[in-house]
Amino acid sequence: MAPPKYEMAIGLNKGHKVTPHNPRPKPSRRKGVLSKRVKFVRDIIKEVVGLAPYEKRIIELLKIGKDKRALKFAKKRLGTHRRGKRKREEMQATLMAMRKAQSQQH
């Protein structure tokens, strides 16, 4: 069925035809997106300060192969399952980097 040539009061295409309004996205849509500057600053701080005690413990648990215990510990410290999984992955990457740096040193 072709769309009507004039406005109708009933049916699927009823009402006055208007052009859609496309507003610019709000700044709140960017919340949580990591900028280059923030990433740089956090990396510098991590390099200078080192790991937090709970992060060191997670790495120790990963070294002895207790991945599940590391997740449970991270979850308890960070509050949610998702945050715990992300932290465990981050610590595994840190551990790999430490091992790689150590093997390159020798």
PDB file of N, CA and C in Angstrom:
ATOM      1  N   MET A   1       0.848  -1.186   0.000  1.00  0.00           N
ATOM      2  CA  MET A   1       0.000   0.000   0.000  1.00  0.00           C
ATOM      3  C   MET A   1       0.884   1.236   0.000  1.00  0.00           C
ATOM      4  N   ALA A   2       0.672   2.149  -0.904  1.00  0.00           N
ATOM      5  CA  ALA A   2       1.481   3.370  -1.019  1.00  0.00           C
ATOM      6  C   ALA A   2       1.092   4.347   0.083  1.00  0.00           C
ATOM      7  N   PRO A   3       2.075   5.126   0.569  1.00  0.00           N
ATOM      8  CA  PRO A   3       1.736   6.114   1.597  1.00  0.00           C
ATOM      9  C   PRO A   3       0.815   7.187   1.017  1.00  0.00           C
ATOM     10  N   PRO A   4      -0.114   7.683   1.836  1.00  0.00           N
ATOM     11  CA  PRO A   4      -1.072   8.672   1.312  1.00  0.00           C
ATOM     12  C   PRO A   4      -0.371   9.989   0.958  1.00  0.00           C
ATOM     13  N   LYS A   5      -0.981  10.721  -0.001  1.00  0.00           N
ATOM     14  CA  LYS A   5      -0.403  11.986  -0.457  1.00  0.00           C
ATOM     15  C   LYS A   5      -0.786  13.150   0.463  1.00  0.00           C
ATOM     16  N   TYR A   6      -1.641  12.885   1.397  1.00  0.00           N
ATOM     17  CA  TYR A   6      -2.104  13.932   2.300  1.00  0.00           C
ATOM     18  C   TYR A   6      -2.175  13.374   3.718  1.00  0.00           C
ATOM     19  N   GLU A   7      -2.228  14.259   4.707  1.00  0.00           N
ATOM     20  CA  GLU A   7      -2.267  13.843   6.111  1.00  0.00           C
ATOM     21  C   GLU A   7      -3.620  13.232   6.437  1.00  0.00           C
ATOM     22  N   MET A   8      -3.548  12.135   7.228  1.00  0.00           N
ATOM     23  CA  MET A   8      -4.791  11.471   7.609  1.00  0.00           C
ATOM     24  C   MET A   8      -4.885  11.405   9.136  1.00  0.00           C
ATOM     25  N   ALA A   9      -6.083  11.320   9.640  1.00  0.00           N
ATOM     26  CA  ALA A   9      -6.307  11.277  11.074  1.00  0.00           C
ATOM     27  C   ALA A   9      -6.247   9.862  11.625  1.00  0.00           C
ATOM     28  N   ILE A  10      -6.276   8.856  10.743  1.00  0.00           N
ATOM     29  CA  ILE A  10      -6.270   7.461  11.188  1.00  0.00           C
ATOM     30  C   ILE A  10      -5.227   6.667  10.409  1.00  0.00           C
ATOM     31  N   GLY A  11      -4.929   5.464  10.897  1.00  0.00           N
ATOM     32  CA  GLY A  11      -4.041   4.558  10.182  1.00  0.00           C
ATOM     33  C   GLY A  11      -2.614   4.598  10.690  1.00  0.00           C
ATOM     34  N   LEU A  12      -1.729   3.842  10.031  1.00  0.00           N
ATOM     35  CA  LEU A  12      -0.337   3.730  10.461  1.00  0.00           C
ATOM     36  C   LEU A  12       0.429   5.035  10.301  1.00  0.00           C
ATOM     37  N   ASN A  13       0.137   5.772   9.249  1.00  0.00           N
ATOM     38  CA  ASN A  13       0.858   7.022   8.972  1.00  0.00           C
ATOM     39  C   ASN A  13       0.068   8.254   9.375  1.00  0.00           C
ATOM     40  N   LYS A  14      -0.707   8.141  10.445  1.00  0.00           N
ATOM     41  CA  LYS A  14      -1.569   9.257  10.839  1.00  0.00           C
ATOM     42  C   LYS A  14      -0.755  10.400  11.436  1.00  0.00           C
ATOM     43  N   GLY A  15      -1.322  11.562  11.416  1.00  0.00           N
ATOM     44  CA  GLY A  15      -0.723  12.717  12.069  1.00  0.00           C
ATOM     45  C   GLY A  15       0.077  13.608  11.141  1.00  0.00           C
ATOM     46  N   HIS A  16       0.452  14.745  11.666  1.00  0.00           N
ATOM     47  CA  HIS A  16       1.219  15.746  10.909  1.00  0.00           C
ATOM     48  C   HIS A  16       2.640  15.256  10.691  1.00  0.00           C
ATOM     49  N   LYS A  17       3.152  15.351   9.481  1.00  0.00           N
ATOM     50  CA  LYS A  17       4.510  14.878   9.169  1.00  0.00           C
ATOM     51  C   LYS A  17       5.522  15.938   9.606  1.00  0.00           C
ATOM     52  N   VAL A  18       6.514  15.492  10.371  1.00  0.00           N
ATOM     53  CA  VAL A  18       7.574  16.401  10.837  1.00  0.00           C
ATOM     54  C   VAL A  18       8.930  15.776  10.525  1.00  0.00           C
ATOM     55  N   THR A  19       9.957  16.620  10.448  1.00  0.00           N
ATOM     56  CA  THR A  19      11.311  16.086  10.254  1.00  0.00           C
ATOM     57  C   THR A  19      11.840  15.666  11.623  1.00  0.00           C
ATOM     58  N   PRO A  20      12.535  14.524  11.698  1.00  0.00           N
ATOM     59  CA  PRO A  20      13.029  14.074  13.008  1.00  0.00           C
ATOM     60  C   PRO A  20      14.078  15.031  13.575  1.00  0.00           C
ATOM     61  N   HIS A  21      14.044  15.201  14.879  1.00  0.00           N
ATOM     62  CA  HIS A  21      14.979  16.086  15.585  1.00  0.00           C
ATOM     63  C   HIS A  21      16.168  15.247  16.054  1.00  0.00           C
ATOM     64  N   ASN A  22      17.369  15.559  15.573  1.00  0.00           N
ATOM     65  CA  ASN A  22      18.571  14.818  15.958  1.00  0.00           C
ATOM     66  C   ASN A  22      19.489  15.701  16.802  1.00  0.00           C
ATOM     67  N   PRO A  23      19.317  15.687  18.127  1.00  0.00           N
ATOM     68  CA  PRO A  23      20.172  16.531  18.970  1.00  0.00           C
ATOM     69  C   PRO A  23      21.587  15.976  19.065  1.00  0.00           C
ATOM     70  N   ARG A  24      22.560  16.837  19.388  1.00  0.00           N
ATOM     71  CA  ARG A  24      23.933  16.384  19.600  1.00  0.00           C
ATOM     72  C   ARG A  24      23.961  15.484  20.837  1.00  0.00           C
ATOM     73  N   PRO A  25      24.837  14.480  20.839  1.00  0.00           N
ATOM     74  CA  PRO A  25      24.893  13.613  22.026  1.00  0.00           C
ATOM     75  C   PRO A  25      25.344  14.403  23.262  1.00  0.00           C
ATOM     76  N   LYS A  26      24.746  14.080  24.384  1.00  0.00           N
ATOM     77  CA  LYS A  26      25.073  14.777  25.635  1.00  0.00           C
ATOM     78  C   LYS A  26      26.477  14.387  26.101  1.00  0.00           C
ATOM     79  N   PRO A  27      27.134  15.265  26.839  1.00  0.00           N
ATOM     80  CA  PRO A  27      28.449  14.912  27.389  1.00  0.00           C
ATOM     81  C   PRO A  27      28.383  13.703  28.320  1.00  0.00           C
ATOM     82  N   SER A  28      27.231  13.466  28.925  1.00  0.00           N
ATOM     83  CA  SER A  28      27.089  12.328  29.847  1.00  0.00           C
ATOM     84  C   SER A  28      27.233  10.995  29.127  1.00  0.00           C
ATOM     85  N   ARG A  29      27.086  10.991  27.799  1.00  0.00           N
ATOM     86  CA  ARG A  29      27.257   9.762  27.027  1.00  0.00           C
ATOM     87  C   ARG A  29      28.723   9.313  27.009  1.00  0.00           C
ATOM     88  N   ARG A  30      29.644  10.250  27.273  1.00  0.00           N
ATOM     89  CA  ARG A  30      31.074   9.944  27.269  1.00  0.00           C
ATOM     90  C   ARG A  30      31.568   9.446  28.622  1.00  0.00           C
ATOM     91  N   LYS A  31      30.712   9.448  29.626  1.00  0.00           N
ATOM     92  CA  LYS A  31      31.146   9.103  30.974  1.00  0.00           C
ATOM     93  C   LYS A  31      31.778   7.725  31.023  1.00  0.00           C
ATOM     94  N   GLY A  32      32.970   7.647  31.597  1.00  0.00           N
ATOM     95  CA  GLY A  32      33.652   6.380  31.739  1.00  0.00           C
ATOM     96  C   GLY A  32      34.603   6.052  30.601  1.00  0.00           C
ATOM     97  N   VAL A  33      34.609   6.865  29.535  1.00  0.00           N
ATOM     98  CA  VAL A  33      35.512   6.626  28.412  1.00  0.00           C
ATOM     99  C   VAL A  33      36.887   7.160  28.789  1.00  0.00           C
ATOM    100  N   LEU A  34      37.900   6.329  28.622  1.00  0.00           N
ATOM    101  CA  LEU A  34      39.255   6.686  29.036  1.00  0.00           C
ATOM    102  C   LEU A  34      39.914   7.573  27.993  1.00  0.00           C
ATOM    103  N   SER A  35      40.366   8.764  28.419  1.00  0.00           N
ATOM    104  CA  SER A  35      41.075   9.654  27.502  1.00  0.00           C
ATOM    105  C   SER A  35      42.562   9.322  27.511  1.00  0.00           C
ATOM    106  N   LYS A  36      43.290   9.816  26.498  1.00  0.00           N
ATOM    107  CA  LYS A  36      44.717   9.529  26.391  1.00  0.00           C
ATOM    108  C   LYS A  36      45.478  10.094  27.587  1.00  0.00           C
ATOM    109  N   ARG A  37      45.101  11.303  27.995  1.00  0.00           N
ATOM    110  CA  ARG A  37      45.794  11.974  29.091  1.00  0.00           C
ATOM    111  C   ARG A  37      45.622  11.204  30.404  1.00  0.00           C
ATOM    112  N   VAL A  38      44.385  10.800  30.700  1.00  0.00           N
ATOM    113  CA  VAL A  38      44.097  10.079  31.942  1.00  0.00           C
ATOM    114  C   VAL A  38      44.848   8.751  31.965  1.00  0.00           C
ATOM    115  N   LYS A  39      44.861   8.059  30.816  1.00  0.00           N
ATOM    116  CA  LYS A  39      45.585   6.784  30.721  1.00  0.00           C
ATOM    117  C   LYS A  39      47.075   7.002  30.978  1.00  0.00           C
ATOM    118  N   PHE A  40      47.630   8.049  30.381  1.00  0.00           N
ATOM    119  CA  PHE A  40      49.048   8.374  30.553  1.00  0.00           C
ATOM    120  C   PHE A  40      49.375   8.634  32.023  1.00  0.00           C
ATOM    121  N   VAL A  41      48.551   9.464  32.669  1.00  0.00           N
ATOM    122  CA  VAL A  41      48.773   9.826  34.079  1.00  0.00           C
ATOM    123  C   VAL A  41      48.675   8.585  34.962  1.00  0.00           C
ATOM    124  N   ARG A  42      47.667   7.737  34.725  1.00  0.00           N
ATOM    125  CA  ARG A  42      47.505   6.519  35.538  1.00  0.00           C
ATOM    126  C   ARG A  42      48.676   5.568  35.359  1.00  0.00           C
ATOM    127  N   ASP A  43      49.180   5.463  34.125  1.00  0.00           N
ATOM    128  CA  ASP A  43      50.334   4.601  33.867  1.00  0.00           C
ATOM    129  C   ASP A  43      51.569   5.102  34.597  1.00  0.00           C
ATOM    130  N   ILE A  44      51.780   6.418  34.589  1.00  0.00           N
ATOM    131  CA  ILE A  44      52.932   7.004  35.297  1.00  0.00           C
ATOM    132  C   ILE A  44      52.827   6.724  36.796  1.00  0.00           C
ATOM    133  N   ILE A  45      51.636   6.938  37.351  1.00  0.00           N
ATOM    134  CA  ILE A  45      51.421   6.715  38.790  1.00  0.00           C
ATOM    135  C   ILE A  45      51.677   5.247  39.126  1.00  0.00           C
ATOM    136  N   LYS A  46      51.149   4.336  38.291  1.00  0.00           N
ATOM    137  CA  LYS A  46      51.332   2.896  38.516  1.00  0.00           C
ATOM    138  C   LYS A  46      52.820   2.538  38.487  1.00  0.00           C
ATOM    139  N   GLU A  47      53.557   3.187  37.574  1.00  0.00           N
ATOM    140  CA  GLU A  47      54.991   2.925  37.439  1.00  0.00           C
ATOM    141  C   GLU A  47      55.767   3.413  38.661  1.00  0.00           C
ATOM    142  N   VAL A  48      55.384   4.583  39.176  1.00  0.00           N
ATOM    143  CA  VAL A  48      56.102   5.181  40.314  1.00  0.00           C
ATOM    144  C   VAL A  48      55.726   4.496  41.624  1.00  0.00           C
ATOM    145  N   VAL A  49      54.435   4.297  41.850  1.00  0.00           N
ATOM    146  CA  VAL A  49      53.939   3.802  43.130  1.00  0.00           C
ATOM    147  C   VAL A  49      54.031   2.283  43.237  1.00  0.00           C
ATOM    148  N   GLY A  50      53.794   1.594  42.119  1.00  0.00           N
ATOM    149  CA  GLY A  50      53.806   0.132  42.150  1.00  0.00           C
ATOM    150  C   GLY A  50      52.420  -0.421  42.394  1.00  0.00           C
ATOM    151  N   LEU A  51      52.375  -1.656  42.844  1.00  0.00           N
ATOM    152  CA  LEU A  51      51.099  -2.337  43.052  1.00  0.00           C
ATOM    153  C   LEU A  51      50.591  -2.158  44.473  1.00  0.00           C
ATOM    154  N   ALA A  52      49.275  -2.200  44.610  1.00  0.00           N
ATOM    155  CA  ALA A  52      48.655  -2.162  45.930  1.00  0.00           C
ATOM    156  C   ALA A  52      48.849  -3.528  46.585  1.00  0.00           C
ATOM    157  N   PRO A  53      48.810  -3.593  47.919  1.00  0.00           N
ATOM    158  CA  PRO A  53      49.007  -4.882  48.599  1.00  0.00           C
ATOM    159  C   PRO A  53      48.049  -5.981  48.136  1.00  0.00           C
ATOM    160  N   TYR A  54      46.779  -5.622  47.900  1.00  0.00           N
ATOM    161  CA  TYR A  54      45.836  -6.669  47.459  1.00  0.00           C
ATOM    162  C   TYR A  54      46.178  -7.152  46.051  1.00  0.00           C
ATOM    163  N   GLU A  55      46.735  -6.264  45.214  1.00  0.00           N
ATOM    164  CA  GLU A  55      47.152  -6.663  43.869  1.00  0.00           C
ATOM    165  C   GLU A  55      48.348  -7.621  43.936  1.00  0.00           C
ATOM    166  N   LYS A  56      49.253  -7.357  44.861  1.00  0.00           N
ATOM    167  CA  LYS A  56      50.401  -8.252  45.058  1.00  0.00           C
ATOM    168  C   LYS A  56      49.924  -9.636  45.482  1.00  0.00           C
ATOM    169  N   ARG A  57      48.907  -9.664  46.342  1.00  0.00           N
ATOM    170  CA  ARG A  57      48.378 -10.949  46.807  1.00  0.00           C
ATOM    171  C   ARG A  57      47.703 -11.708  45.659  1.00  0.00           C
ATOM    172  N   ILE A  58      46.987 -10.976  44.807  1.00  0.00           N
ATOM    173  CA  ILE A  58      46.355 -11.612  43.647  1.00  0.00           C
ATOM    174  C   ILE A  58      47.429 -12.228  42.749  1.00  0.00           C
ATOM    175  N   ILE A  59      48.522 -11.504  42.540  1.00  0.00           N
ATOM    176  CA  ILE A  59      49.618 -12.025  41.713  1.00  0.00           C
ATOM    177  C   ILE A  59      50.224 -13.274  42.337  1.00  0.00           C
ATOM    178  N   GLU A  60      50.379 -13.261  43.656  1.00  0.00           N
ATOM    179  CA  GLU A  60      50.911 -14.448  44.341  1.00  0.00           C
ATOM    180  C   GLU A  60      49.988 -15.649  44.136  1.00  0.00           C
ATOM    181  N   LEU A  61      48.681 -15.428  44.244  1.00  0.00           N
ATOM    182  CA  LEU A  61      47.715 -16.509  44.030  1.00  0.00           C
ATOM    183  C   LEU A  61      47.785 -17.026  42.585  1.00  0.00           C
ATOM    184  N   LEU A  62      47.970 -16.122  41.640  1.00  0.00           N
ATOM    185  CA  LEU A  62      48.068 -16.527  40.239  1.00  0.00           C
ATOM    186  C   LEU A  62      49.358 -17.308  39.983  1.00  0.00           C
ATOM    187  N   LYS A  63      50.430 -16.933  40.679  1.00  0.00           N
ATOM    188  CA  LYS A  63      51.717 -17.614  40.501  1.00  0.00           C
ATOM    189  C   LYS A  63      51.623 -19.087  40.893  1.00  0.00           C
ATOM    190  N   ILE A  64      50.851 -19.369  41.945  1.00  0.00           N
ATOM    191  CA  ILE A  64      50.736 -20.761  42.395  1.00  0.00           C
ATOM    192  C   ILE A  64      49.561 -21.485  41.726  1.00  0.00           C
ATOM    193  N   GLY A  65      48.933 -20.799  40.733  1.00  0.00           N
ATOM    194  CA  GLY A  65      47.891 -21.446  39.942  1.00  0.00           C
ATOM    195  C   GLY A  65      46.513 -21.459  40.560  1.00  0.00           C
ATOM    196  N   LYS A  66      46.257 -20.584  41.505  1.00  0.00           N
ATOM    197  CA  LYS A  66      44.937 -20.536  42.146  1.00  0.00           C
ATOM    198  C   LYS A  66      44.115 -19.401  41.524  1.00  0.00           C
ATOM    199  N   ASP A  67      43.709 -19.611  40.276  1.00  0.00           N
ATOM    200  CA  ASP A  67      42.966 -18.583  39.547  1.00  0.00           C
ATOM    201  C   ASP A  67      41.614 -18.283  40.190  1.00  0.00           C
ATOM    202  N   LYS A  68      40.931 -19.342  40.592  1.00  0.00           N
ATOM    203  CA  LYS A  68      39.595 -19.158  41.167  1.00  0.00           C
ATOM    204  C   LYS A  68      39.677 -18.426  42.505  1.00  0.00           C
ATOM    205  N   ARG A  69      40.667 -18.774  43.310  1.00  0.00           N
ATOM    206  CA  ARG A  69      40.861 -18.109  44.600  1.00  0.00           C
ATOM    207  C   ARG A  69      41.224 -16.634  44.380  1.00  0.00           C
ATOM    208  N   ALA A  70      42.021 -16.369  43.340  1.00  0.00           N
ATOM    209  CA  ALA A  70      42.393 -14.989  43.001  1.00  0.00           C
ATOM    210  C   ALA A  70      41.151 -14.191  42.625  1.00  0.00           C
ATOM    211  N   LEU A  71      40.247 -14.824  41.860  1.00  0.00           N
ATOM    212  CA  LEU A  71      39.000 -14.155  41.477  1.00  0.00           C
ATOM    213  C   LEU A  71      38.133 -13.877  42.698  1.00  0.00           C
ATOM    214  N   LYS A  72      38.018 -14.851  43.573  1.00  0.00           N
ATOM    215  CA  LYS A  72      37.200 -14.665  44.778  1.00  0.00           C
ATOM    216  C   LYS A  72      37.751 -13.544  45.644  1.00  0.00           C
ATOM    217  N   PHE A  73      39.087 -13.511  45.761  1.00  0.00           N
ATOM    218  CA  PHE A  73      39.733 -12.479  46.564  1.00  0.00           C
ATOM    219  C   PHE A  73      39.511 -11.094  45.943  1.00  0.00           C
ATOM    220  N   ALA A  74      39.704 -11.000  44.617  1.00  0.00           N
ATOM    221  CA  ALA A  74      39.516  -9.721  43.914  1.00  0.00           C
ATOM    222  C   ALA A  74      38.068  -9.261  44.028  1.00  0.00           C
ATOM    223  N   LYS A  75      37.152 -10.232  43.916  1.00  0.00           N
ATOM    224  CA  LYS A  75      35.728  -9.920  43.997  1.00  0.00           C
ATOM    225  C   LYS A  75      35.375  -9.355  45.373  1.00  0.00           C
ATOM    226  N   LYS A  76      35.954  -9.941  46.392  1.00  0.00           N
ATOM    227  CA  LYS A  76      35.690  -9.488  47.764  1.00  0.00           C
ATOM    228  C   LYS A  76      36.230  -8.075  47.976  1.00  0.00           C
ATOM    229  N   ARG A  77      37.403  -7.797  47.418  1.00  0.00           N
ATOM    230  CA  ARG A  77      38.014  -6.487  47.598  1.00  0.00           C
ATOM    231  C   ARG A  77      37.360  -5.398  46.743  1.00  0.00           C
ATOM    232  N   LEU A  78      36.910  -5.764  45.541  1.00  0.00           N
ATOM    233  CA  LEU A  78      36.426  -4.757  44.601  1.00  0.00           C
ATOM    234  C   LEU A  78      34.905  -4.630  44.551  1.00  0.00           C
ATOM    235  N   GLY A  79      34.198  -5.610  45.090  1.00  0.00           N
ATOM    236  CA  GLY A  79      32.750  -5.446  45.208  1.00  0.00           C
ATOM    237  C   GLY A  79      31.889  -6.199  44.226  1.00  0.00           C
ATOM    238  N   THR A  80      32.314  -6.330  42.964  1.00  0.00           N
ATOM    239  CA  THR A  80      31.460  -7.027  42.003  1.00  0.00           C
ATOM    240  C   THR A  80      32.250  -8.092  41.251  1.00  0.00           C
ATOM    241  N   HIS A  81      31.514  -9.039  40.682  1.00  0.00           N
ATOM    242  CA  HIS A  81      32.119 -10.149  39.937  1.00  0.00           C
ATOM    243  C   HIS A  81      32.857  -9.620  38.704  1.00  0.00           C
ATOM    244  N   ARG A  82      32.220  -8.694  38.005  1.00  0.00           N
ATOM    245  CA  ARG A  82      32.803  -8.150  36.770  1.00  0.00           C
ATOM    246  C   ARG A  82      34.113  -7.419  37.061  1.00  0.00           C
ATOM    247  N   ARG A  83      34.124  -6.601  38.109  1.00  0.00           N
ATOM    248  CA  ARG A  83      35.348  -5.882  38.487  1.00  0.00           C
ATOM    249  C   ARG A  83      36.446  -6.860  38.883  1.00  0.00           C
ATOM    250  N   GLY A  84      36.045  -7.915  39.590  1.00  0.00           N
ATOM    251  CA  GLY A  84      37.009  -8.937  40.002  1.00  0.00           C
ATOM    252  C   GLY A  84      37.628  -9.638  38.811  1.00  0.00           C
ATOM    253  N   LYS A  85      36.803  -9.987  37.827  1.00  0.00           N
ATOM    254  CA  LYS A  85      37.316 -10.649  36.617  1.00  0.00           C
ATOM    255  C   LYS A  85      38.274  -9.733  35.870  1.00  0.00           C
ATOM    256  N   ARG A  86      37.899  -8.467  35.765  1.00  0.00           N
ATOM    257  CA  ARG A  86      38.747  -7.508  35.047  1.00  0.00           C
ATOM    258  C   ARG A  86      40.087  -7.336  35.751  1.00  0.00           C
ATOM    259  N   LYS A  87      40.056  -7.272  37.082  1.00  0.00           N
ATOM    260  CA  LYS A  87      41.295  -7.093  37.855  1.00  0.00           C
ATOM    261  C   LYS A  87      42.170  -8.330  37.731  1.00  0.00           C
ATOM    262  N   ARG A  88      41.557  -9.514  37.763  1.00  0.00           N
ATOM    263  CA  ARG A  88      42.330 -10.750  37.614  1.00  0.00           C
ATOM    264  C   ARG A  88      43.025 -10.790  36.253  1.00  0.00           C
ATOM    265  N   GLU A  89      42.295 -10.410  35.200  1.00  0.00           N
ATOM    266  CA  GLU A  89      42.880 -10.373  33.851  1.00  0.00           C
ATOM    267  C   GLU A  89      44.035  -9.368  33.798  1.00  0.00           C
ATOM    268  N   GLU A  90      43.826  -8.229  34.430  1.00  0.00           N
ATOM    269  CA  GLU A  90      44.867  -7.184  34.465  1.00  0.00           C
ATOM    270  C   GLU A  90      46.122  -7.685  35.188  1.00  0.00           C
ATOM    271  N   MET A  91      45.911  -8.379  36.303  1.00  0.00           N
ATOM    272  CA  MET A  91      47.049  -8.896  37.071  1.00  0.00           C
ATOM    273  C   MET A  91      47.759 -10.030  36.317  1.00  0.00           C
ATOM    274  N   GLN A  92      46.992 -10.837  35.559  1.00  0.00           N
ATOM    275  CA  GLN A  92      47.615 -11.871  34.741  1.00  0.00           C
ATOM    276  C   GLN A  92      48.493 -11.238  33.659  1.00  0.00           C
ATOM    277  N   ALA A  93      48.007 -10.154  33.070  1.00  0.00           N
ATOM    278  CA  ALA A  93      48.792  -9.444  32.058  1.00  0.00           C
ATOM    279  C   ALA A  93      50.050  -8.847  32.681  1.00  0.00           C
ATOM    280  N   THR A  94      49.919  -8.302  33.892  1.00  0.00           N
ATOM    281  CA  THR A  94      51.067  -7.730  34.605  1.00  0.00           C
ATOM    282  C   THR A  94      52.091  -8.821  34.908  1.00  0.00           C
ATOM    283  N   LEU A  95      51.607  -9.981  35.352  1.00  0.00           N
ATOM    284  CA  LEU A  95      52.485 -11.112  35.670  1.00  0.00           C
ATOM    285  C   LEU A  95      53.239 -11.582  34.419  1.00  0.00           C
ATOM    286  N   MET A  96      52.521 -11.661  33.293  1.00  0.00           N
ATOM    287  CA  MET A  96      53.154 -12.053  32.030  1.00  0.00           C
ATOM    288  C   MET A  96      54.230 -11.045  31.642  1.00  0.00           C
ATOM    289  N   ALA A  97      53.921  -9.755  31.800  1.00  0.00           N
ATOM    290  CA  ALA A  97      54.882  -8.705  31.452  1.00  0.00           C
ATOM    291  C   ALA A  97      56.116  -8.790  32.340  1.00  0.00           C
ATOM    292  N   MET A  98      55.888  -9.079  33.636  1.00  0.00           N
ATOM    293  CA  MET A  98      57.012  -9.209  34.578  1.00  0.00           C
ATOM    294  C   MET A  98      57.898 -10.388  34.170  1.00  0.00           C
ATOM    295  N   ARG A  99      57.267 -11.519  33.814  1.00  0.00           N
ATOM    296  CA  ARG A  99      58.029 -12.710  33.403  1.00  0.00           C
ATOM    297  C   ARG A  99      58.793 -12.453  32.106  1.00  0.00           C
ATOM    298  N   LYS A 100      58.151 -11.746  31.175  1.00  0.00           N
ATOM    299  CA  LYS A 100      58.787 -11.441  29.907  1.00  0.00           C
ATOM    300  C   LYS A 100      60.000 -10.526  30.118  1.00  0.00           C
ATOM    301  N   ALA A 101      59.836  -9.514  30.979  1.00  0.00           N
ATOM    302  CA  ALA A 101      60.932  -8.598  31.268  1.00  0.00           C
ATOM    303  C   ALA A 101      62.081  -9.329  31.945  1.00  0.00           C
ATOM    304  N   GLN A 102      61.733 -10.277  32.840  1.00  0.00           N
ATOM    305  CA  GLN A 102      62.748 -11.044  33.555  1.00  0.00           C
ATOM    306  C   GLN A 102      63.513 -11.960  32.607  1.00  0.00           C
ATOM    307  N   SER A 103      62.798 -12.568  31.646  1.00  0.00           N
ATOM    308  CA  SER A 103      63.472 -13.457  30.697  1.00  0.00           C
ATOM    309  C   SER A 103      64.357 -12.685  29.728  1.00  0.00           C
ATOM    310  N   GLN A 104      63.984 -11.457  29.420  1.00  0.00           N
ATOM    311  CA  GLN A 104      64.796 -10.631  28.524  1.00  0.00           C
ATOM    312  C   GLN A 104      66.050 -10.121  29.234  1.00  0.00           C
ATOM    313  N   GLN A 105      65.967 -10.008  30.538  1.00  0.00           N
ATOM    314  CA  GLN A 105      67.088  -9.514  31.343  1.00  0.00           C
ATOM    315  C   GLN A 105      68.207 -10.540  31.381  1.00  0.00           C
ATOM    316  N   HIS A 106      67.844 -11.820  31.378  1.00  0.00           N
ATOM    317  CA  HIS A 106      68.838 -12.904  31.488  1.00  0.00           C
ATOM    318  C   HIS A 106      69.425 -13.248  30.161  1.00  0.00           C
TER     319      HIS A 106
END
